[in-house]
Protein backbone atom coordinates (compact mmCIF):
# COMPACT_ATOMS: atom_id res chain seq x y z
CA MET A 1 124.16 108.00 101.11
CA ARG A 2 122.49 110.82 100.30
CA LYS A 3 118.44 110.50 100.33
CA LEU A 4 115.76 108.74 99.23
CA LEU A 5 113.59 111.26 96.75
CA ILE A 6 109.44 111.18 96.37
CA MET A 7 108.39 113.15 93.31
CA LEU A 8 104.83 113.90 93.71
CA ALA A 9 103.83 115.76 90.18
CA VAL A 10 100.65 116.42 89.26
CA SER A 11 100.31 117.00 85.69
CA PHE A 12 98.37 117.78 82.41
CA ALA A 13 99.09 116.88 78.97
CA VAL A 14 97.18 117.73 75.51
CA GLU A 15 97.62 114.79 73.01
CA ALA A 16 96.83 115.05 69.54
CA THR A 17 96.70 112.64 67.26
CA ALA A 18 95.01 111.89 63.52
CA GLN A 19 92.02 109.83 64.45
CA THR A 20 88.72 111.63 64.49
CA GLU A 21 87.54 109.84 66.84
CA CYS A 22 88.09 108.21 70.14
CA PHE A 23 92.45 107.10 70.65
CA GLU A 24 92.33 103.66 68.35
CA ASP A 25 94.81 101.31 68.07
CA GLY A 26 97.37 101.39 65.94
CA ARG A 27 97.61 104.93 66.27
CA LEU A 28 100.34 107.29 67.54
CA PHE A 29 100.41 110.81 69.32
CA ILE A 30 102.32 113.57 70.34
CA GLY A 31 101.41 115.96 73.50
CA GLY A 32 103.09 118.42 75.78
CA HIS A 33 102.97 117.83 79.79
CA GLY A 34 103.54 119.78 83.08
CA PRO A 35 103.52 122.09 85.24
CA ALA A 36 104.94 121.24 88.91
CA GLN A 37 106.07 118.65 91.32
CA LEU A 38 106.79 117.87 94.71
CA THR A 39 109.68 116.32 95.78
CA ILE A 40 110.00 114.94 99.38
CA GLN A 41 113.40 113.21 100.81
CA LYS A 42 113.84 111.30 103.11
CA ARG A 43 117.95 110.53 104.36
CA SER A 44 118.97 107.08 105.29
CA GLU A 45 120.69 106.95 109.38
CA ASP A 46 124.06 107.29 109.16
CA TYR A 47 123.73 110.37 106.45
CA GLN A 48 126.10 113.41 107.77
CA ASP A 49 127.22 116.61 105.49
CA ALA A 50 129.80 119.07 105.97
CA PHE A 51 127.44 121.05 108.90
CA THR A 52 126.16 117.84 111.23
CA GLN A 53 130.06 116.59 111.03
CA VAL A 54 130.67 119.97 113.42
CA PHE A 55 127.29 120.44 115.04
CA PRO A 56 125.48 117.39 115.16
CA THR A 57 121.59 117.50 114.43
CA ASP A 58 118.95 115.82 112.89
CA TYR A 59 116.95 117.56 109.45
CA GLU A 60 113.43 118.77 109.07
CA ASN A 61 112.42 118.86 105.22
CA ARG A 62 110.35 121.93 104.29
CA THR A 63 107.70 121.26 101.29
CA GLU A 64 108.38 123.16 97.78
CA TRP A 65 107.19 123.19 94.19
CA GLY A 66 108.77 123.10 91.34
CA PHE A 67 108.66 122.68 88.10
CA HIS A 68 108.16 119.68 85.44
CA GLY A 69 107.43 119.99 82.56
CA GLY A 70 108.24 118.83 78.55
CA PHE A 71 106.53 116.35 75.68
CA LEU A 72 105.89 113.22 75.03
CA VAL A 73 105.68 110.94 72.18
CA GLY A 74 103.08 107.52 72.36
CA TYR A 75 101.21 104.59 70.68
CA ASN A 76 97.74 102.84 71.22
CA LEU A 77 98.16 99.54 71.89
CA SER A 78 94.40 99.13 72.34
CA GLU A 79 91.67 101.04 73.23
CA LYS A 80 92.99 99.96 76.57
CA MET A 81 96.51 101.00 76.97
CA ALA A 82 99.58 103.06 75.73
CA ILE A 83 103.12 103.17 75.81
CA LEU A 84 104.67 107.00 76.14
CA LEU A 85 107.29 108.00 76.24
CA PRO A 86 107.69 111.75 77.85
CA ILE A 87 110.46 113.77 78.45
CA SER A 88 111.21 116.04 81.16
CA PHE A 89 112.76 119.35 82.09
CA ASP A 90 112.51 119.32 85.69
CA ARG A 91 113.37 121.59 88.34
CA SER A 92 113.28 120.86 92.05
CA THR A 93 114.00 122.45 95.32
CA TYR A 94 114.42 121.30 98.51
CA ILE A 95 114.72 123.31 101.53
CA TYR A 96 115.81 121.79 104.82
CA GLU A 97 116.52 123.05 108.66
CA THR A 98 118.24 122.60 111.87
CA THR A 99 116.01 120.76 114.48
CA GLU A 100 118.77 122.29 117.65
CA THR A 101 118.77 126.07 117.77
CA TYR A 102 122.36 127.66 117.70
CA THR A 103 123.73 131.08 119.02
CA LEU A 104 125.98 133.47 116.80
CA ARG A 105 128.80 134.15 118.60
CA THR A 106 129.16 137.65 116.73
CA SER A 107 125.24 138.58 117.89
CA GLY A 108 124.24 136.24 120.58
CA GLU A 109 121.68 135.96 118.64
CA SER A 110 119.77 132.24 118.07
CA GLY A 111 117.94 130.46 115.90
CA LEU A 112 117.99 127.91 113.21
CA VAL A 113 120.43 127.25 110.06
CA ARG A 114 118.25 126.59 107.00
CA PHE A 115 119.47 124.88 103.85
CA LYS A 116 118.34 125.67 99.99
CA GLU A 117 119.55 123.55 96.92
CA ASN A 118 117.72 124.39 93.58
CA ILE A 119 118.45 121.58 90.92
CA ASN A 120 118.15 121.18 87.38
CA SER A 121 117.49 118.01 85.02
CA ILE A 122 116.47 116.09 82.45
CA SER A 123 114.22 113.17 82.98
CA PHE A 124 113.13 110.54 80.29
CA SER A 125 110.18 107.62 81.41
CA VAL A 126 108.51 104.67 79.80
CA ILE A 127 105.35 104.63 80.70
CA THR A 128 102.08 101.95 79.72
CA ARG A 129 99.12 103.65 80.72
CA PHE A 130 96.24 101.47 81.30
CA LYS A 131 92.25 102.62 80.95
CA PRO A 132 90.36 99.85 82.38
CA PHE A 133 87.29 101.26 81.36
CA PRO A 134 86.09 101.35 77.46
CA GLY A 135 84.74 105.31 75.66
CA CYS A 136 86.96 108.55 75.14
CA ASN A 137 86.78 109.41 79.21
CA GLY A 138 87.73 107.69 82.01
CA LEU A 139 90.40 106.36 84.71
CA THR A 140 93.60 105.80 83.95
CA PHE A 141 96.35 104.26 85.57
CA SER A 142 100.82 104.37 85.21
CA ILE A 143 103.44 103.02 85.34
CA GLY A 144 107.18 103.01 84.47
CA PRO A 145 110.72 102.90 84.90
CA ASN A 146 111.73 107.14 84.80
CA PHE A 147 115.91 107.58 84.12
CA THR A 148 116.82 111.72 85.27
CA LYS A 149 119.85 113.37 84.53
CA GLY A 150 121.35 116.00 86.66
CA LEU A 151 122.29 118.80 84.41
CA ASN A 152 123.15 121.99 87.19
CA GLY A 153 122.18 123.32 90.71
CA LYS A 154 123.03 125.84 93.78
CA GLY A 155 122.58 125.93 96.65
CA SER A 156 122.32 128.01 99.90
CA GLY A 157 122.17 128.49 103.34
CA VAL A 158 120.71 131.30 106.24
CA PHE A 159 120.30 131.29 109.84
CA ASP A 160 117.32 132.53 110.33
CA ASN A 161 116.77 134.00 114.02
CA GLY A 162 112.70 134.12 113.82
CA ALA A 163 112.79 137.96 112.64
CA LYS A 164 115.32 137.96 110.18
CA THR A 165 117.99 136.11 108.21
CA GLN A 166 121.85 136.61 107.26
CA PRO A 167 123.65 134.39 104.41
CA LEU A 168 125.90 132.03 105.94
CA PHE A 169 127.58 131.16 103.38
CA ASP A 170 128.09 132.04 98.80
CA THR A 171 125.43 130.29 97.16
CA GLN A 172 127.49 127.48 95.92
CA ASP A 173 127.74 125.65 92.75
CA ILE A 174 126.65 121.35 93.74
CA LYS A 175 128.76 119.23 91.83
CA PHE A 176 127.08 115.64 90.35
CA GLY A 177 129.06 112.23 91.74
CA ASP A 178 128.64 109.14 89.82
CA ASP A 179 128.62 106.15 92.55
CA ARG A 180 125.35 106.39 95.28
CA PHE A 181 127.37 106.96 97.74
CA SER A 182 127.74 110.66 96.32
CA ASP A 183 125.35 113.29 97.82
CA TYR A 184 124.56 113.91 94.80
CA ARG A 185 124.79 111.91 91.58
CA GLY A 186 124.67 113.04 88.36
CA PHE A 187 122.18 109.57 86.98
CA ASN A 188 119.09 108.30 89.54
CA ALA A 189 116.93 105.72 87.70
CA GLY A 190 113.83 105.45 89.59
CA LEU A 191 110.04 104.00 89.31
CA VAL A 192 107.05 105.78 88.36
CA ILE A 193 103.73 105.27 89.43
CA GLY A 194 100.61 107.40 88.52
CA ILE A 195 96.63 107.79 88.46
CA GLY A 196 93.97 109.80 86.68
CA GLY A 197 91.91 110.57 83.97
CA THR A 198 91.96 111.13 80.30
CA PHE A 199 88.83 113.16 78.47
CA LYS A 200 88.27 114.50 74.71
CA ILE A 201 88.56 117.95 74.30
CA LYS A 202 88.19 117.53 70.41
CA GLU A 203 87.45 115.56 67.80
CA ASN A 204 91.19 114.79 67.65
CA THR A 205 92.81 115.94 71.15
CA ARG A 206 92.48 114.78 74.55
CA LEU A 207 93.63 116.23 78.08
CA THR A 208 94.67 114.00 80.42
CA LEU A 209 95.63 114.47 84.42
CA ASP A 210 97.89 112.44 86.18
CA ILE A 211 98.85 112.19 89.91
């Protein structure tokens, strides 16, 4: 199996509605959100790729910020609960390198092998947001399912001797599969859990922060 992905998204949203006070029951609102997410990878114990099949090794992940942004539509079920339907464009960057060093036969240099993947996708969520305390401003909690469709991606690899890097192969397109054994699944489902806050900035506009 490929890996489990854990995404940490830091998202600001500006939400607007037609009413003039706090976001009242039965009110529709719209907004935009972004800008960044951090993706952490966890591979299964039996994971292998073309490189590890020839050179047995483990990989160490390096964290990299990516882009996360889009628009949302929401509806206030009550003063303390709302349903949100965000649609996002995501650009995730994954970097991982070998824990073992290798020696190039051509030059005799020793170093690590590092791979980098950039994947673009569209995600859709159905989020229930709770605001436990009354008032226009306050703490929020969010939970709901998330569905992601991969669009395209690129992968590359370099040899790093600590002083310079050199490419191991030309940049390649990433192909998406359809089953759970695929290295890159075209469709994924997950769970979104978040904590944040909401703040009134105008009569009919508020700013929310979610992590």
